[in-house]
Protein backbone atom coordinates (compact mmCIF):
# COMPACT_ATOMS: atom_id res chain seq x y z
CA MET A 1 -3.32 -23.30 54.88
CA THR A 2 -0.33 -24.55 52.91
CA MET A 3 2.96 -22.90 52.38
CA LYS A 4 4.09 -24.92 49.90
CA PRO A 5 3.66 -22.10 46.74
CA LEU A 6 5.65 -19.51 48.79
CA ILE A 7 8.37 -21.95 49.07
CA VAL A 8 7.98 -22.63 45.47
CA ALA A 9 8.40 -19.55 44.87
CA ALA A 10 11.80 -18.51 47.10
CA ARG A 11 13.67 -21.57 45.55
CA TYR A 12 12.65 -20.46 42.22
CA LYS A 13 13.15 -16.81 42.62
CA TYR A 14 16.20 -16.28 40.65
CA LEU A 15 14.67 -18.43 37.57
CA LEU A 16 11.48 -16.35 38.02
CA LEU A 17 13.39 -13.03 37.54
CA VAL A 18 14.91 -14.24 34.29
CA PRO A 19 11.72 -12.56 31.94
CA PHE A 20 11.97 -9.53 33.66
CA ILE A 21 15.95 -9.78 33.65
CA VAL A 22 15.65 -10.93 29.53
CA ILE A 23 13.23 -8.77 28.18
CA LEU A 24 13.00 -5.07 30.51
CA PRO A 25 16.46 -4.07 29.05
CA ILE A 26 14.90 -5.49 25.50
CA ALA A 27 12.39 -3.29 25.92
CA ALA A 28 14.25 0.27 26.73
CA ALA A 29 15.98 -0.34 24.57
CA LEU A 30 13.63 -0.66 21.18
CA ALA A 31 12.19 2.12 23.22
CA VAL A 32 15.36 4.41 22.56
CA PHE A 33 16.34 3.35 19.09
CA THR A 34 13.04 3.07 17.32
CA GLN A 35 12.25 6.92 18.26
CA LYS A 36 14.31 8.15 15.34
CA GLN A 37 14.17 12.33 14.46
CA THR A 38 11.59 13.13 11.75
CA TYR A 39 10.79 15.95 9.85
CA THR A 40 7.71 17.03 8.79
CA SER A 41 6.62 19.28 5.92
CA LEU A 42 3.26 21.43 5.30
CA SER A 43 1.23 22.42 2.53
CA LYS A 44 -2.10 23.93 2.21
CA VAL A 45 -4.37 23.71 -1.32
CA TRP A 46 -7.16 25.02 -1.84
CA VAL A 47 -10.29 23.40 -3.54
CA GLU A 48 -12.98 24.00 -5.96
CA GLN A 49 -15.59 22.33 -7.03
CA SER A 50 -16.10 21.23 -10.83
CA PRO A 51 -17.74 24.05 -12.67
CA LEU A 52 -20.67 22.00 -14.21
CA VAL A 53 -23.85 21.94 -13.54
CA PRO A 54 -25.14 19.20 -10.80
CA THR A 55 -27.37 17.06 -13.87
CA LEU A 56 -24.00 16.12 -15.14
CA PRO A 57 -22.13 12.94 -14.23
CA THR A 58 -19.72 13.44 -11.79
CA SER A 59 -17.52 11.32 -9.43
CA ASP A 60 -17.29 13.37 -6.57
CA ASN A 61 -19.65 12.81 -3.07
CA GLN A 62 -22.26 15.43 -3.18
CA TYR A 63 -22.47 15.59 0.65
CA GLN A 64 -18.88 15.85 0.66
CA THR A 65 -17.73 19.47 0.69
CA ALA A 66 -15.07 19.98 -1.96
CA ALA A 67 -11.80 19.82 0.06
CA GLN A 68 -13.20 16.35 1.19
CA ASN A 69 -13.39 15.07 -1.66
CA ARG A 70 -10.07 16.22 -3.25
CA ALA A 71 -8.34 14.47 -0.53
CA SER A 72 -10.32 11.56 -0.97
CA ASP A 73 -9.06 11.61 -4.19
CA LEU A 74 -5.65 11.87 -3.66
CA THR A 75 -5.52 9.38 -1.10
CA GLU A 76 -6.61 7.00 -3.64
CA PHE A 77 -4.00 8.46 -5.83
CA LEU A 78 -1.61 7.48 -3.43
CA ALA A 79 -2.83 4.13 -3.52
CA THR A 80 -1.87 3.75 -7.37
CA ASP A 81 1.58 2.84 -8.34
CA SER A 82 1.38 5.22 -11.66
CA PHE A 83 1.07 8.46 -9.16
CA ALA A 84 3.27 7.54 -6.93
CA LEU A 85 5.75 6.75 -9.09
CA ASP A 86 5.38 10.35 -11.05
CA VAL A 87 5.53 11.41 -7.59
CA ALA A 88 9.19 10.11 -7.04
CA ARG A 89 10.75 11.37 -10.29
CA ARG A 90 9.11 14.58 -9.80
CA ALA A 91 11.10 14.01 -6.19
CA GLY A 92 14.44 12.73 -8.02
CA LEU A 93 14.22 9.50 -6.33
CA PRO A 94 15.69 6.72 -8.25
CA THR A 95 12.86 4.14 -9.94
CA ASP A 96 15.32 2.32 -12.53
CA THR A 97 15.37 -1.01 -10.80
CA LEU A 98 12.65 -3.22 -9.10
CA PRO A 99 14.14 -2.23 -5.34
CA GLN A 100 14.76 1.14 -6.16
CA LYS A 101 10.92 1.38 -7.37
CA SER A 102 10.01 -0.48 -4.43
CA ALA A 103 11.91 2.00 -2.15
CA ALA A 104 10.42 4.97 -3.92
CA LEU A 105 6.76 3.69 -3.29
CA PHE A 106 7.57 3.53 0.16
CA ALA A 107 9.32 6.53 0.80
CA VAL A 108 6.15 8.84 -1.32
CA ARG A 109 3.67 6.51 0.71
CA ASN A 110 5.28 6.69 4.54
CA GLY A 111 4.62 9.64 6.36
CA THR A 112 1.80 11.12 3.74
CA VAL A 113 -1.32 12.62 5.92
CA VAL A 114 -3.91 14.29 3.96
CA LEU A 115 -6.39 16.05 5.24
CA ALA A 116 -10.21 18.37 4.84
CA GLU A 117 -9.54 21.63 6.97
CA GLY A 118 -12.52 23.43 5.81
CA PRO A 119 -14.65 23.60 3.13
CA HIS A 120 -12.05 24.35 0.62
CA LEU A 121 -8.71 24.16 2.25
CA VAL A 122 -6.97 20.19 2.19
CA ASP A 123 -3.66 20.16 3.92
CA ILE A 124 -1.15 18.05 2.42
CA SER A 125 2.16 17.24 4.87
CA HIS A 126 5.30 14.55 4.50
CA ARG A 127 7.57 13.39 7.02
CA ALA A 128 10.90 12.12 6.31
CA ALA A 129 14.11 11.41 8.05
CA THR A 130 15.66 14.53 7.42
CA ALA A 131 14.41 18.32 6.04
CA THR A 132 15.17 18.30 2.98
CA GLU A 133 13.54 15.10 1.89
CA ALA A 134 10.16 15.74 3.29
CA LYS A 135 10.47 19.23 1.86
CA THR A 136 11.07 17.80 -2.05
CA ILE A 137 8.26 15.42 -1.67
CA ASN A 138 5.98 17.08 -1.08
CA ASP A 139 6.59 19.53 -3.35
CA ALA A 140 6.49 16.59 -6.09
CA LEU A 141 3.56 15.21 -4.01
CA VAL A 142 1.53 19.64 -4.59
CA ALA A 143 2.25 19.32 -8.20
CA GLY A 144 1.28 15.96 -8.64
CA PHE A 145 -1.66 16.39 -7.19
CA THR A 146 -2.66 19.82 -8.72
CA ALA A 147 -1.78 18.40 -12.28
CA GLU A 148 -3.81 15.80 -11.80
CA VAL A 149 -6.75 17.81 -10.39
CA LYS A 150 -6.74 20.09 -13.35
CA ALA A 151 -6.34 16.92 -15.80
CA ARG A 152 -9.50 15.71 -14.38
CA THR A 153 -10.95 19.45 -14.53
CA SER A 154 -9.91 19.56 -17.88
CA ILE A 155 -11.67 16.05 -18.93
CA ASP A 156 -14.55 16.93 -17.65
CA LEU A 157 -15.33 19.93 -19.31
CA GLN A 158 -15.02 18.41 -21.99
CA GLN A 159 -17.25 15.63 -21.49
CA ALA A 160 -19.51 18.94 -19.98
CA ILE A 161 -19.10 20.52 -23.96
CA ALA A 162 -20.55 16.99 -25.56
CA PHE A 163 -23.05 16.77 -22.71
CA TYR A 164 -24.23 20.75 -24.14
CA THR A 165 -23.99 19.90 -27.55
CA LYS A 166 -26.09 17.11 -27.64
CA GLN A 167 -28.86 19.06 -25.58
CA GLN A 168 -28.82 22.32 -27.48
CA GLN A 169 -29.04 19.35 -30.86
CA SER A 170 -31.84 18.31 -29.65
CA ALA A 171 -33.34 21.41 -28.22
CA GLN A 172 -32.70 22.74 -31.94
CA LYS A 173 -35.11 19.90 -33.23
CA GLN A 174 -37.52 19.91 -30.92
CA LEU A 175 -37.91 23.96 -32.00
CA ASP A 176 -38.17 23.29 -35.72
CA SER A 177 -40.43 20.90 -34.84
CA ALA A 178 -42.42 23.11 -33.23
CA GLN A 179 -42.50 25.89 -35.62
CA SER A 180 -43.05 23.96 -38.51
CA ALA A 181 -46.37 22.68 -36.26
CA LEU A 182 -46.96 26.19 -35.42
CA GLN A 183 -46.48 27.51 -39.63
CA SER A 184 -48.56 24.15 -40.66
CA TYR A 185 -51.32 24.94 -38.12
CA ARG A 186 -51.69 28.80 -38.93
CA ALA A 187 -51.74 28.43 -42.97
CA SER A 188 -55.08 25.85 -42.78
CA SER A 189 -56.52 27.07 -39.47
CA SER A 190 -58.03 30.25 -37.79
CA LEU A 191 -57.87 31.77 -34.54
CA ASP A 192 -58.58 29.20 -32.55
CA PRO A 193 -57.15 27.37 -28.23
CA GLN A 194 -54.80 25.15 -30.17
CA LEU A 195 -53.02 28.30 -31.55
CA THR A 196 -52.11 28.96 -28.16
CA THR A 197 -50.77 25.75 -27.67
CA LEU A 198 -48.33 25.24 -30.27
CA THR A 199 -47.32 28.99 -29.56
CA SER A 200 -46.37 27.65 -26.05
CA ASN A 201 -44.60 24.84 -27.61
CA VAL A 202 -42.46 27.48 -29.73
CA GLN A 203 -41.12 29.57 -26.72
CA THR A 204 -40.76 26.14 -24.40
CA ALA A 205 -38.12 24.91 -27.11
CA GLN A 206 -37.08 28.18 -27.93
CA THR A 207 -35.73 28.87 -24.31
CA ALA A 208 -34.65 25.19 -23.69
CA LEU A 209 -32.36 25.94 -26.83
CA ASN A 210 -31.36 28.70 -25.36
CA ASP A 211 -29.99 27.11 -21.48
CA ALA A 212 -28.59 24.73 -24.29
CA THR A 213 -26.58 27.05 -25.98
CA LYS A 214 -25.46 29.36 -22.93
CA SER A 215 -24.46 26.11 -21.06
CA LEU A 216 -22.28 24.79 -24.33
CA ARG A 217 -20.85 28.11 -24.51
CA ASP A 218 -19.71 28.84 -20.62
CA SER A 219 -18.13 25.56 -20.66
CA ASN A 220 -16.35 26.71 -24.04
CA ALA A 221 -15.56 29.62 -22.65
CA LEU A 222 -14.09 27.50 -19.10
CA VAL A 223 -11.68 25.39 -21.46
CA SER A 224 -10.41 28.67 -22.94
CA SER A 225 -9.98 30.55 -20.48
CA PRO A 226 -6.52 29.92 -18.93
CA GLY A 227 -7.45 31.29 -15.03
CA THR A 228 -10.31 29.56 -14.72
CA GLN A 229 -9.09 27.17 -11.97
CA THR A 230 -10.41 24.66 -9.37
CA VAL A 231 -7.37 23.97 -7.24
CA GLU A 232 -4.39 26.23 -5.95
CA VAL A 233 -1.90 26.41 -3.81
CA ARG A 234 -2.21 28.80 -1.03
CA ASP A 235 0.69 27.75 1.31
CA ALA A 236 3.70 26.11 -0.36
CA PRO A 237 5.23 23.28 1.28
CA SER A 238 6.98 24.46 4.20
CA GLN A 239 11.08 23.99 5.22
CA PRO A 240 11.07 22.09 8.23
CA THR A 241 12.74 24.11 10.45
CA GLY A 242 13.32 21.43 13.68
CA PRO A 243 12.84 18.18 14.06
CA ASP A 244 9.23 16.65 15.20
CA ALA A 245 8.29 16.54 18.90
CA ARG A 246 8.43 13.58 20.48
CA LYS A 247 5.67 12.32 22.32
CA LYS A 248 6.22 11.16 25.95
CA THR A 249 3.64 7.80 25.55
CA SER A 250 5.33 6.46 23.12
CA LEU A 251 8.49 6.31 25.33
CA LEU A 252 7.12 4.43 27.53
CA LEU A 253 4.71 1.63 24.66
CA PHE A 254 7.77 -0.53 24.89
CA PRO A 255 8.41 -0.78 28.52
CA VAL A 256 5.27 -1.03 29.55
CA ALA A 257 4.22 -3.67 26.86
CA GLY A 258 7.78 -5.26 28.06
CA LEU A 259 6.35 -5.29 31.70
CA LEU A 260 3.40 -6.94 31.15
CA LEU A 261 4.94 -9.32 28.58
CA ALA A 262 7.69 -10.27 31.64
CA VAL A 263 4.98 -10.43 34.22
CA SER A 264 3.12 -12.93 31.92
CA LEU A 265 5.84 -15.14 31.34
CA SER A 266 7.09 -15.22 35.23
CA ALA A 267 3.65 -16.35 35.90
CA GLY A 268 3.12 -18.58 33.34
CA LEU A 269 6.73 -20.49 34.31
CA TYR A 270 5.55 -20.42 38.63
CA GLY A 271 1.98 -21.87 37.55
CA LEU A 272 4.07 -24.64 35.55
CA LEU A 273 7.22 -25.01 38.40
CA LEU A 274 4.42 -25.36 40.96
CA ARG A 275 1.90 -28.30 39.35
CA THR A 276 5.54 -30.21 38.27
CA ASP A 277 7.01 -29.87 41.62
CA ASN A 278 6.81 -33.77 42.92
CA SER A 279 9.44 -32.80 46.20
CA ILE A 280 8.18 -32.85 50.06
CA ARG A 281 8.77 -29.42 51.05
CA VAL A 282 5.99 -28.84 53.50
CA ALA A 283 4.19 -31.69 56.16
CA GLU A 284 1.11 -31.71 54.10
CA ASP A 285 3.21 -33.37 51.09
CA LEU A 286 4.01 -36.16 53.80
CA GLN A 287 0.51 -36.65 54.75
CA ALA A 288 -0.24 -36.92 51.53
CA LEU A 289 1.84 -40.13 50.83
CA PRO A 290 -0.36 -43.74 51.50
CA GLY A 291 1.22 -45.30 54.22
CA LEU A 292 3.02 -42.67 56.30
CA LEU A 293 1.96 -41.45 59.87
CA LEU A 294 3.63 -37.56 60.34
CA LEU A 295 4.59 -37.80 64.24
CA GLY A 296 6.22 -33.99 64.44
CA SER A 297 8.19 -31.80 62.44
CA VAL A 298 11.52 -29.58 63.20
CA PRO A 299 12.11 -26.35 62.22
CA ASP A 300 14.77 -24.92 60.81
CA VAL A 301 17.54 -23.66 63.14
CA SER A 302 20.51 -23.86 61.00
CA LYS A 303 22.90 -21.07 61.53
CA LEU A 304 23.32 -18.05 60.21
CA LYS A 305 26.31 -17.86 57.35
CA LYS A 306 27.62 -14.17 56.89
CA ARG A 307 27.11 -14.49 53.03
CA GLY A 308 23.23 -16.18 53.26
CA TRP A 309 21.76 -13.80 55.31
CA PRO A 310 19.26 -12.82 52.88
CA LYS A 311 18.64 -16.63 52.16
CA HIS A 312 18.35 -17.37 55.21
CA PHE A 313 15.97 -14.47 56.29
CA TYR A 314 13.69 -15.13 54.22
CA ARG A 315 13.43 -18.85 54.60
CA LEU A 316 12.60 -17.74 58.72
CA ALA A 317 9.99 -15.45 57.21
CA VAL A 318 8.25 -17.67 54.97
CA THR A 319 8.13 -19.94 58.33
CA ALA A 320 6.77 -17.97 60.36
CA LEU A 321 4.50 -16.62 58.54
CA GLY A 322 3.08 -20.29 57.92
CA SER A 323 3.14 -21.07 62.07
CA THR A 324 0.99 -17.60 62.35
CA LEU A 325 -1.71 -18.84 59.34
CA GLN A 326 -2.10 -22.28 60.31
CA ARG A 327 -3.12 -21.03 63.81
C-alpha cells in the first residue's frame, strides 16, 4: 500500500488547515452578530362569517372557517402596497420619499405573522427591534385590518340589498301574474281542478315575495344597525415586557455550516494537491519511472531537533505505519 497520500497530507498540513482557520472564526462571528434582540407584540381578533345567505356570491372559501378566511384576507392585504402603506401611516412611519416608502413597507411586512386559531380567532403578531415599534406597528395592523373587514362587509351588504331588491321585484311580478290568471279564470269558469293549480301558484309566488321581502328587510337592518360586527378585537396588541427567547439551535447553524464548508474545501484542496503532486515521495514513484531500477531505500535517521520534534515524530510514525502495511 503506497504512503504517498499520507506524505502529501503531512507536507501540506498547514495549507489544508487554512479553510478551518479562516471560515470557522467568520462563522462564529456571524452566529453572534446575527442574533439580534427582537420583541414581539401579540393580539387576537374575533371574526365572524359575513351575515349573508350562502347563495350570494362571496370570496370566502366555504370549506374554511371564518378565522382561516380572514387570515388569508390579511395575508393578501399585506401583499398590496396600498394596505401596507396605510398601516405604515397609521404607525407614524415616514413614507414621503421612495427610500422611506420602501423601508416602511419592509418594516410592516417583515416580522408580521398571521395565524388562524380555532374557528373564530385570528392571531396577529409583529416582531421588531424594539418593544415600542412592535406594539405600534401591531396596533396599526389590527386597526387597518378591522377597518378593511368592516368596509368589505358593508360592501357585501349593499350588494345583498341590490340582490334581494331584484328578487323582490321578480317575485312581485310573478305574484301579480299569478293573481291575474286566477281572477280571470274565476270570472270565466266554474270550480274545477285547474283552479286548485292556479291557487297554488298564487300561494307559491306570495311565499317567494315574503322571503325576498324579509331578506331585504334583514339586510337593511344589518346596514343601519351599528351593533352588527363581523370583526372585533378581543386582545389588544400587547406591550412586550422583554426580548424574545433565542433558540440554541439557531446559534449552532452558522458554526455547523462553516465546519461543513471548511471540510469540503479542505478535502477538495487535498484532492487537487494529491493529483498535481509530481514529486518523488515514495519508492513507488521511482519504480514508475522508465529505465530506473530501485536497488533499496534508506530510512530517515536524521537527528531530532529540539523545536522540530512534532514534525520528526510524525515522519517516523508515517514511516513505521508504511512498513507495517507493506508487510
